[in-house]
Amino acid sequence: MPSQSYIRKNFSLAWPLALNALLMQSMLMIDTLLVSPLGEIPLAAMGIATTVIAFVLGIQMALANGTQLVLSRAVGSGSQALVAKAFWAGLIINLVGASSFFILLTLFDQPLVQMITSNELLHQQITSYLSISKFLILYTAVTQVIIALYNSLGRSKVPFKGYLLELPINAGLSYFLIHGVSLTNSIEFQGIGVEGAAIGSVIAITVRLIYLVLCVNADSAIALAFKPDRKEFKYNIKRHLIEILPVAANMTILSIGATVYQLLYSQLTIHAYVAITLVMPWIRAGTQFMTAWAHSSAITISQAIGSKKMDGLRKNVDISIDVAVAMSFVCALFFAGFALVVQDVYPDLEPSTYAALTTIAPLYVFLPIIRGYNTVHGHVLRALGKTTAVFRINFIGQWVISIPLCALIIVGFDGSIFWAFAIQPFEEMVKALPFRHLARRSLNEFDINQAKKLMYD
């Protein structure tokens, strides 16, 4: 594939993926804004409950991302039977996982809530929110696999339209259910508080699920019906699970690691902790386009592997890395601009907080450069079937080296915010060389036989 065609194809895939991620983040922000007038207790209850749900949804998305690679290879092969087999295997795995989490939240919601917080004022509201929002887990299991199917087909705009449909429904319904409405003196709905946010989210994702199912049924290019041999299909599910489990494990350890970082940062001064808390959402949002580019690169490379047309594989990987690095520098410039106007964005902070933000500015400006490099390497390596190796690099870099070092700096040496936050770019630097070495070696070793092994047939 010519360089310009490869870049153009990847960007057409990447921008809806990036906007999808931003819309997902904005949904949580909207719910938080809608609940905030109710006071600290409802807001804290929703924050804790959504953290639990978001953790489970993150694992489901990671499983679906693994399935996306399998589906992309099947799409590249041109075999509808392989696409159908990969889709149903991924859906079964995700639904089994979702059902397990659903049952656990149903049976053990009270012990979980009591373990998270000792504040009894929060218990009832957290439990009420979880009792409704846990249905998101079941619906997301289906929607994420359908989204993976469309992304693997190179049609990421279809899921993007689904998010555009869901967002206003979620916001409007949630506002109505949280705060109520008064039409006349005799016609009035009081609103049900935090539970209303959960119901609004469940109804909105139900609408998106119906939209996606209708899109699949109406699409003549998608044929998911097939007659599987039971033994062969069980083997396919097993191989599928073996490949995607490290992807889910990778996401889980990185997510838990991010939480541990936040807990460690909470041991700093209040001004330092507030500074980091203010910066982190901008870092997550600003790096979405780099992540989306990495996802689209993995899809395109997986399609090439499935088609057995790998003459330009190394060249396309190099292009993916070069573009990711260029995007990383643009992101760094954006963060540099943010650092210059941060006092205008947050005008009512104390001088000590502004001083802390100034101290870590060089670090969060540099962070996306090295993180973008690692992100694209990680996704390319997963496309080459190296999911376990990627997990190993991330685990060692974060849990064996960086988190213990961060704890030592903060707890052991009572270090400053600069050295504590510097561990995040340091972690990325620790992982960069192993990622590059593994990518070069994997590309040198990858051939038609390696591609056949990834097809499960």
Protein backbone atom coordinates (compact mmCIF):
# COMPACT_ATOMS: atom_id res chain seq x y z
CA MET A 1 0.00 0.00 0.00
CA PRO A 2 1.50 3.41 -0.96
CA SER A 3 2.49 5.63 1.97
CA GLN A 4 -0.12 8.31 1.29
CA SER A 5 -2.89 5.69 0.95
CA TYR A 6 -1.81 4.04 4.20
CA ILE A 7 -1.79 7.35 6.09
CA ARG A 8 -5.11 8.45 4.58
CA LYS A 9 -6.76 5.12 5.45
CA ASN A 10 -5.47 5.23 9.01
CA PHE A 11 -6.62 8.81 9.59
CA SER A 12 -10.09 8.00 8.25
CA LEU A 13 -10.22 5.25 10.87
CA ALA A 14 -8.55 7.22 13.65
CA TRP A 15 -10.58 10.42 13.91
CA PRO A 16 -13.92 8.70 14.70
CA LEU A 17 -12.07 6.46 17.21
CA ALA A 18 -10.62 9.52 18.95
CA LEU A 19 -13.94 11.35 19.04
CA ASN A 20 -15.63 8.19 20.35
CA ALA A 21 -13.21 8.15 23.29
CA LEU A 22 -13.73 11.86 23.96
CA LEU A 23 -17.52 11.42 23.87
CA MET A 24 -17.28 8.54 26.35
CA GLN A 25 -15.29 10.76 28.73
CA SER A 26 -17.71 13.65 28.24
CA MET A 27 -20.67 11.45 29.21
CA LEU A 28 -19.20 10.90 32.67
CA MET A 29 -18.38 14.62 32.96
CA ILE A 30 -21.97 15.52 32.02
CA ASP A 31 -23.40 13.15 34.65
CA THR A 32 -21.04 14.64 37.23
CA LEU A 33 -22.14 18.19 36.34
CA LEU A 34 -25.81 17.19 36.52
CA VAL A 35 -25.45 15.54 39.92
CA SER A 36 -23.20 18.23 41.46
CA PRO A 37 -26.13 20.55 42.45
CA LEU A 38 -27.43 17.77 44.73
CA GLY A 39 -24.46 18.22 47.07
CA GLU A 40 -21.31 16.41 48.14
CA ILE A 41 -22.89 13.15 49.33
CA PRO A 42 -24.71 12.27 46.04
CA LEU A 43 -21.70 13.46 44.05
CA ALA A 44 -19.29 11.32 46.08
CA ALA A 45 -21.66 8.33 45.86
CA MET A 46 -21.87 8.59 42.08
CA GLY A 47 -18.11 9.07 41.82
CA ILE A 48 -17.41 5.89 43.76
CA ALA A 49 -20.06 3.85 41.93
CA THR A 50 -18.98 5.01 38.47
CA THR A 51 -15.37 4.15 39.34
CA VAL A 52 -16.46 0.53 39.94
CA ILE A 53 -18.52 0.40 36.74
CA ALA A 54 -15.83 2.16 34.69
CA PHE A 55 -13.25 -0.37 35.85
CA VAL A 56 -15.38 -3.28 34.61
CA LEU A 57 -16.26 -1.49 31.36
CA GLY A 58 -12.55 -0.85 30.81
CA ILE A 59 -11.84 -4.59 30.98
CA GLN A 60 -14.68 -5.24 28.51
CA MET A 61 -13.29 -2.65 26.13
CA ALA A 62 -9.86 -4.25 26.38
CA LEU A 63 -11.33 -7.67 25.52
CA ALA A 64 -13.15 -6.09 22.58
CA ASN A 65 -9.92 -4.42 21.43
CA GLY A 66 -8.30 -7.85 21.38
CA THR A 67 -11.24 -9.21 19.40
CA GLN A 68 -10.84 -6.25 17.04
CA LEU A 69 -7.39 -7.52 16.03
CA VAL A 70 -8.74 -11.02 15.35
CA LEU A 71 -11.64 -9.56 13.36
CA SER A 72 -9.28 -7.32 11.37
CA ARG A 73 -7.22 -10.33 10.29
CA ALA A 74 -10.42 -12.13 9.32
CA VAL A 75 -11.56 -9.11 7.29
CA GLY A 76 -8.18 -9.02 5.57
CA SER A 77 -8.53 -12.69 4.62
CA GLY A 78 -11.76 -11.93 2.75
CA SER A 79 -13.53 -14.90 4.39
CA GLN A 80 -17.01 -14.13 5.75
CA ALA A 81 -16.90 -17.41 7.71
CA LEU A 82 -13.74 -16.31 9.54
CA VAL A 83 -15.31 -12.91 10.31
CA ALA A 84 -18.45 -14.60 11.69
CA LYS A 85 -16.38 -17.06 13.71
CA ALA A 86 -14.25 -14.29 15.24
CA PHE A 87 -17.32 -12.15 15.99
CA TRP A 88 -19.25 -14.88 17.82
CA ALA A 89 -16.16 -16.06 19.70
CA GLY A 90 -15.47 -12.51 20.87
CA LEU A 91 -19.12 -11.94 21.80
CA ILE A 92 -19.32 -15.17 23.82
CA ILE A 93 -16.13 -14.34 25.71
CA ASN A 94 -17.27 -10.78 26.46
CA LEU A 95 -20.76 -11.88 27.51
CA VAL A 96 -19.39 -14.56 29.83
CA GLY A 97 -17.11 -11.99 31.44
CA ALA A 98 -19.95 -9.44 31.69
CA SER A 99 -22.31 -11.99 33.23
CA SER A 100 -19.67 -12.93 35.81
CA PHE A 101 -19.18 -9.30 36.87
CA PHE A 102 -22.97 -8.75 36.87
CA ILE A 103 -23.50 -11.71 39.21
CA LEU A 104 -20.66 -10.59 41.50
CA LEU A 105 -22.11 -7.07 41.76
CA THR A 106 -25.55 -8.54 42.45
CA LEU A 107 -24.38 -10.91 45.19
CA PHE A 108 -21.60 -8.88 46.80
CA ASP A 109 -22.54 -5.22 46.27
CA GLN A 110 -22.95 -4.52 50.00
CA PRO A 111 -19.57 -5.97 51.09
CA LEU A 112 -17.89 -4.16 48.19
CA VAL A 113 -19.40 -0.80 49.14
CA GLN A 114 -18.48 -1.27 52.80
CA MET A 115 -14.93 -2.13 51.79
CA ILE A 116 -14.60 0.99 49.62
CA THR A 117 -15.97 3.49 52.15
CA SER A 118 -16.93 3.52 55.82
CA ASN A 119 -19.25 6.52 55.37
CA GLU A 120 -22.72 5.09 55.96
CA LEU A 121 -24.37 8.14 54.38
CA LEU A 122 -22.90 6.99 51.05
CA HIS A 123 -23.78 3.29 51.29
CA GLN A 124 -27.42 3.48 50.26
CA GLN A 125 -26.87 5.82 47.32
CA ILE A 126 -23.88 3.84 46.00
CA THR A 127 -25.85 0.58 46.23
CA SER A 128 -28.87 2.13 44.50
CA TYR A 129 -26.71 3.47 41.66
CA LEU A 130 -24.92 0.12 41.23
CA SER A 131 -28.18 -1.85 41.22
CA ILE A 132 -29.20 0.02 38.05
CA SER A 133 -25.91 0.85 36.34
CA LYS A 134 -24.68 -2.77 36.49
CA PHE A 135 -26.95 -3.43 33.48
CA LEU A 136 -24.54 -1.23 31.51
CA ILE A 137 -22.06 -4.10 31.80
CA LEU A 138 -24.34 -6.52 29.94
CA TYR A 139 -25.26 -4.06 27.19
CA THR A 140 -21.67 -2.89 26.75
CA ALA A 141 -20.55 -6.50 26.20
CA VAL A 142 -22.61 -6.55 23.00
CA THR A 143 -22.03 -2.97 21.84
CA GLN A 144 -18.24 -3.18 22.20
CA VAL A 145 -17.97 -6.32 20.06
CA ILE A 146 -20.21 -4.78 17.37
CA ILE A 147 -18.05 -1.65 17.48
CA ALA A 148 -14.94 -3.86 17.11
CA LEU A 149 -16.57 -5.45 14.05
CA TYR A 150 -17.21 -2.10 12.37
CA ASN A 151 -13.73 -0.80 13.27
CA SER A 152 -12.14 -3.92 11.78
CA LEU A 153 -14.13 -3.32 8.59
CA GLY A 154 -12.66 0.19 8.45
CA ARG A 155 -16.04 1.78 9.13
CA SER A 156 -15.49 3.49 12.47
CA LYS A 157 -17.98 6.24 11.58
CA VAL A 158 -20.91 3.87 12.27
CA PRO A 159 -20.11 3.49 16.00
CA PHE A 160 -19.32 7.22 16.14
CA LYS A 161 -22.87 8.00 14.98
CA GLY A 162 -24.11 5.68 17.73
CA TYR A 163 -22.28 7.75 20.36
CA LEU A 164 -23.70 10.95 18.83
CA LEU A 165 -27.17 9.42 19.23
CA GLU A 166 -26.53 8.27 22.80
CA LEU A 167 -25.00 11.45 24.23
CA PRO A 168 -27.99 13.86 23.99
CA ILE A 169 -30.40 11.12 25.10
CA ASN A 170 -28.24 10.42 28.13
CA ALA A 171 -27.88 14.11 29.03
CA GLY A 172 -31.55 14.98 28.54
CA LEU A 173 -33.00 11.94 30.30
CA SER A 174 -30.51 12.12 33.14
CA TYR A 175 -31.31 15.78 33.80
CA PHE A 176 -35.05 15.03 33.81
CA LEU A 177 -34.70 11.97 36.06
CA ILE A 178 -32.21 13.58 38.46
CA HIS A 179 -33.86 16.96 38.97
CA GLY A 180 -37.43 16.40 37.80
CA VAL A 181 -39.64 18.90 36.02
CA SER A 182 -42.65 21.01 36.88
CA LEU A 183 -45.09 21.59 34.02
CA THR A 184 -48.01 22.97 36.03
CA ASN A 185 -48.97 23.16 39.68
CA SER A 186 -50.68 19.79 39.39
CA ILE A 187 -48.26 18.09 36.98
CA GLU A 188 -44.86 17.72 38.57
CA PHE A 189 -42.07 15.12 38.72
CA GLN A 190 -39.75 15.52 41.68
CA GLY A 191 -36.74 13.67 40.29
CA ILE A 192 -34.99 10.72 41.90
CA GLY A 193 -31.45 12.01 42.33
CA VAL A 194 -28.43 9.79 41.69
CA GLU A 195 -30.59 6.86 40.55
CA GLY A 196 -31.85 9.07 37.72
CA ALA A 197 -28.31 9.38 36.33
CA ALA A 198 -27.99 5.59 36.28
CA ILE A 199 -31.38 5.08 34.60
CA GLY A 200 -30.59 7.75 32.00
CA SER A 201 -27.32 6.03 31.13
CA VAL A 202 -28.94 2.59 30.85
CA ILE A 203 -31.74 3.87 28.58
CA ALA A 204 -29.25 5.76 26.40
CA ILE A 205 -26.96 2.77 25.90
CA THR A 206 -30.04 0.64 25.15
CA VAL A 207 -30.87 3.02 22.31
CA ARG A 208 -27.30 2.76 21.03
CA LEU A 209 -27.43 -1.03 21.24
CA ILE A 210 -30.65 -1.12 19.20
CA TYR A 211 -29.10 1.25 16.65
CA LEU A 212 -25.99 -0.93 16.24
CA VAL A 213 -27.99 -4.18 15.96
CA LEU A 214 -30.23 -2.59 13.31
CA CYS A 215 -27.14 -1.39 11.42
CA VAL A 216 -25.69 -4.92 11.40
CA ASN A 217 -28.99 -6.48 10.28
CA ALA A 218 -29.45 -3.93 7.50
CA ASP A 219 -25.87 -4.22 6.23
CA SER A 220 -25.65 -6.57 3.27
CA ALA A 221 -21.84 -6.60 3.52
CA ILE A 222 -22.00 -8.25 6.96
CA ALA A 223 -22.93 -11.95 7.12
CA LEU A 224 -22.61 -13.37 10.63
CA ALA A 225 -24.59 -16.58 10.14
CA PHE A 226 -22.53 -19.77 9.93
CA LYS A 227 -22.76 -23.43 10.95
CA PRO A 228 -19.84 -24.12 13.26
CA ASP A 229 -18.39 -27.51 13.99
CA ARG A 230 -18.70 -27.67 17.80
CA LYS A 231 -15.20 -29.02 18.41
CA GLU A 232 -13.61 -26.61 15.94
CA PHE A 233 -15.51 -23.63 17.36
CA LYS A 234 -14.51 -24.50 20.96
CA TYR A 235 -10.88 -24.61 19.82
CA ASN A 236 -11.35 -21.24 18.08
CA ILE A 237 -12.80 -19.68 21.25
CA LYS A 238 -9.90 -21.07 23.28
CA ARG A 239 -7.29 -19.62 20.90
CA HIS A 240 -9.22 -16.34 20.74
CA LEU A 241 -9.27 -16.13 24.54
CA ILE A 242 -5.56 -16.95 24.84
CA GLU A 243 -4.75 -14.04 22.51
CA ILE A 244 -7.03 -11.40 24.02
CA LEU A 245 -6.63 -12.18 27.73
CA PRO A 246 -3.21 -10.47 27.90
CA VAL A 247 -4.80 -7.38 26.32
CA ALA A 248 -7.40 -7.28 29.13
CA ALA A 249 -4.75 -8.02 31.75
CA ASN A 250 -2.58 -5.24 30.30
CA MET A 251 -5.42 -2.73 30.56
CA THR A 252 -6.24 -3.88 34.08
CA ILE A 253 -2.74 -3.49 35.47
CA LEU A 254 -2.31 -0.09 33.79
CA SER A 255 -5.67 1.07 35.18
CA ILE A 256 -4.88 -0.14 38.68
CA GLY A 257 -1.42 1.37 38.34
CA ALA A 258 -2.93 4.78 37.50
CA THR A 259 -5.09 4.50 40.62
CA VAL A 260 -2.05 3.62 42.74
CA TYR A 261 -0.21 6.65 41.38
CA GLN A 262 -3.14 8.84 42.42
CA LEU A 263 -3.16 7.30 45.90
CA LEU A 264 0.56 7.96 46.23
CA TYR A 265 0.15 11.54 45.00
CA SER A 266 -2.50 12.06 47.68
CA GLN A 267 0.34 11.80 50.23
CA LEU A 268 1.86 15.00 48.85
CA THR A 269 0.74 18.43 50.01
CA ILE A 270 -2.87 19.35 49.19
CA HIS A 271 -1.70 21.94 46.66
CA ALA A 272 0.52 19.42 44.87
CA TYR A 273 -2.27 16.83 44.78
CA VAL A 274 -4.79 19.34 43.43
CA ALA A 275 -2.32 20.38 40.70
CA ILE A 276 -1.89 16.78 39.53
CA THR A 277 -5.66 16.16 39.74
CA LEU A 278 -6.30 19.18 37.51
CA VAL A 279 -3.71 18.14 34.92
CA MET A 280 -4.59 14.44 34.54
CA PRO A 281 -7.93 14.86 32.66
CA TRP A 282 -6.16 17.11 30.14
CA ILE A 283 -3.44 14.50 29.66
CA ARG A 284 -6.03 11.76 29.07
CA ALA A 285 -8.02 13.89 26.62
CA GLY A 286 -4.98 15.26 24.81
CA THR A 287 -3.50 11.83 24.10
CA GLN A 288 -6.71 10.33 22.67
CA PHE A 289 -5.75 11.10 19.06
CA MET A 290 -2.39 9.36 19.46
CA THR A 291 -4.14 6.32 20.92
CA ALA A 292 -6.69 6.34 18.11
CA TRP A 293 -3.89 6.47 15.52
CA ALA A 294 -2.23 3.48 17.22
CA HIS A 295 -5.55 1.57 17.16
CA SER A 296 -6.09 2.31 13.47
CA SER A 297 -2.52 1.23 12.69
CA ALA A 298 -3.11 -2.08 14.45
CA ILE A 299 -6.33 -2.61 12.48
CA THR A 300 -4.68 -1.87 9.12
CA ILE A 301 -1.67 -4.08 9.89
CA SER A 302 -3.95 -6.91 11.08
CA GLN A 303 -5.93 -6.66 7.82
CA ALA A 304 -2.68 -6.94 5.87
CA ILE A 305 -1.67 -10.03 7.88
CA GLY A 306 -5.05 -11.61 7.22
CA SER A 307 -4.76 -10.93 3.49
CA LYS A 308 -1.19 -12.40 3.44
CA LYS A 309 -0.07 -9.19 1.66
CA MET A 310 2.82 -8.20 3.88
CA ASP A 311 5.37 -6.80 1.43
CA GLY A 312 5.00 -3.31 2.88
CA LEU A 313 4.60 -4.38 6.51
CA ARG A 314 7.86 -2.94 7.84
CA LYS A 315 7.42 0.28 5.85
CA ASN A 316 3.88 0.76 7.17
CA VAL A 317 5.01 0.13 10.76
CA ASP A 318 7.72 2.77 10.32
CA ILE A 319 5.14 5.21 8.94
CA SER A 320 2.85 4.52 11.92
CA ILE A 321 5.68 5.27 14.34
CA ASP A 322 6.74 8.44 12.49
CA VAL A 323 3.19 9.81 12.41
CA ALA A 324 2.64 8.92 16.09
CA VAL A 325 5.80 10.80 17.05
CA ALA A 326 4.72 13.82 14.97
CA MET A 327 1.31 13.79 16.66
CA SER A 328 3.06 13.50 20.03
CA PHE A 329 5.01 16.70 19.37
CA VAL A 330 1.79 18.49 18.39
CA CYS A 331 0.23 17.25 21.64
CA ALA A 332 3.28 18.49 23.57
CA LEU A 333 2.85 21.93 21.99
CA PHE A 334 -0.82 21.89 23.04
CA PHE A 335 0.21 21.11 26.62
CA ALA A 336 2.84 23.85 26.50
CA GLY A 337 0.10 26.28 25.48
CA PHE A 338 -2.09 24.97 28.28
CA ALA A 339 0.71 25.62 30.78
CA LEU A 340 0.81 29.27 29.68
CA VAL A 341 -2.94 29.83 30.18
CA VAL A 342 -3.61 27.51 33.14
CA GLN A 343 -4.30 30.46 35.44
CA ASP A 344 -7.01 31.65 33.05
CA VAL A 345 -8.53 28.16 32.84
CA TYR A 346 -8.54 27.80 36.65
CA PRO A 347 -8.66 31.39 37.91
CA ASP A 348 -9.50 30.90 41.60
CA LEU A 349 -6.70 28.68 42.87
CA GLU A 350 -4.23 29.47 45.62
CA PRO A 351 -0.68 30.64 44.73
CA SER A 352 0.82 27.38 46.04
CA THR A 353 -1.30 25.40 43.57
CA TYR A 354 -0.19 27.59 40.67
CA ALA A 355 3.40 27.08 41.80
CA ALA A 356 2.91 23.30 41.79
CA LEU A 357 1.39 23.46 38.28
CA THR A 358 4.39 25.46 37.07
CA THR A 359 6.79 22.95 38.63
CA ILE A 360 5.35 19.93 36.77
CA ALA A 361 4.70 21.76 33.47
CA PRO A 362 7.94 20.57 31.77
CA LEU A 363 7.07 17.00 32.74
CA TYR A 364 3.53 16.91 31.36
CA VAL A 365 4.72 18.70 28.21
CA PHE A 366 7.37 16.00 27.64
CA LEU A 367 5.17 13.04 28.69
CA PRO A 368 3.07 12.68 25.47
CA ILE A 369 6.18 12.51 23.27
CA ILE A 370 7.50 9.32 24.83
CA ARG A 371 4.03 7.94 25.62
CA GLY A 372 2.92 8.27 21.99
CA TYR A 373 6.04 6.37 20.87
CA ASN A 374 5.27 3.52 23.29
CA THR A 375 1.54 3.46 22.52
CA VAL A 376 1.98 2.88 18.80
CA HIS A 377 4.65 0.22 19.44
CA GLY A 378 2.35 -1.60 21.86
CA HIS A 379 -0.56 -1.71 19.40
CA VAL A 380 1.62 -2.75 16.46
CA LEU A 381 3.11 -5.57 18.55
CA ARG A 382 -0.37 -6.78 19.51
CA ALA A 383 -1.26 -6.85 15.81
CA LEU A 384 1.80 -9.07 15.30
CA GLY A 385 0.51 -11.46 17.98
CA LYS A 386 2.87 -10.30 20.77
CA THR A 387 0.12 -9.55 23.33
CA THR A 388 1.85 -11.44 26.17
CA ALA A 389 5.19 -9.72 25.54
CA VAL A 390 3.51 -6.28 25.59
CA PHE A 391 1.87 -7.16 28.91
CA ARG A 392 5.22 -8.23 30.32
CA ILE A 393 6.95 -4.97 29.34
CA ASN A 394 4.15 -2.85 30.79
CA PHE A 395 4.01 -4.89 34.01
CA ILE A 396 7.75 -4.71 34.66
CA GLY A 397 8.01 -1.04 33.68
CA GLN A 398 5.11 0.04 35.88
CA TRP A 399 4.79 -2.39 38.79
CA VAL A 400 8.34 -3.69 39.24
CA ILE A 401 10.24 -0.43 38.63
CA SER A 402 8.17 2.77 38.55
CA ILE A 403 5.47 2.41 41.22
CA PRO A 404 7.93 1.17 43.91
CA LEU A 405 10.27 4.05 42.98
CA CYS A 406 7.41 6.56 43.21
CA ALA A 407 6.46 5.18 46.64
CA LEU A 408 10.08 5.43 47.77
CA ILE A 409 10.33 9.08 46.64
CA ILE A 410 7.05 10.15 48.27
CA VAL A 411 6.86 7.98 51.38
CA GLY A 412 10.52 7.18 51.99
CA PHE A 413 12.25 10.43 51.07
CA ASP A 414 9.33 12.88 51.33
CA GLY A 415 10.22 14.04 47.83
CA SER A 416 8.81 17.05 46.00
CA ILE A 417 5.99 17.06 43.46
CA PHE A 418 8.54 17.36 40.62
CA TRP A 419 10.31 14.08 41.40
CA ALA A 420 7.06 12.30 42.25
CA PHE A 421 5.40 13.26 38.95
CA ALA A 422 8.63 12.68 37.02
CA ILE A 423 8.13 8.94 37.56
CA GLN A 424 5.40 8.89 34.88
CA PRO A 425 7.65 10.02 32.01
CA PHE A 426 10.41 7.92 33.56
CA GLU A 427 8.16 4.84 33.32
CA GLU A 428 7.60 5.50 29.62
CA MET A 429 11.36 5.90 29.08
CA VAL A 430 12.00 2.57 30.83
CA LYS A 431 9.57 0.84 28.45
CA ALA A 432 10.65 2.57 25.23
CA LEU A 433 13.80 0.56 24.51
CA PRO A 434 12.23 -2.88 25.15
CA PHE A 435 9.27 -1.92 22.94
CA ARG A 436 11.54 -0.81 20.10
CA HIS A 437 13.79 -3.88 20.41
CA LEU A 438 10.82 -6.28 20.46
CA ALA A 439 9.18 -4.54 17.49
CA ARG A 440 12.35 -4.73 15.34
CA ARG A 441 12.91 -8.38 16.26
CA SER A 442 9.26 -9.31 15.66
CA LEU A 443 9.25 -7.66 12.24
CA ASN A 444 12.46 -9.47 11.29
CA GLU A 445 10.96 -12.81 12.31
CA PHE A 446 7.46 -12.28 10.95
CA ASP A 447 6.67 -14.23 7.79
CA ILE A 448 3.80 -16.04 6.09
CA ASN A 449 4.03 -18.95 8.54
CA GLN A 450 3.65 -16.58 11.51
CA ALA A 451 0.65 -15.03 9.80
CA LYS A 452 -0.97 -18.46 9.30
CA LYS A 453 -0.54 -19.28 13.00
CA LEU A 454 -2.53 -16.16 13.90
CA MET A 455 -5.51 -17.26 11.78
CA TYR A 456 -6.37 -20.25 14.05
CA ASP A 457 -7.05 -22.49 11.02
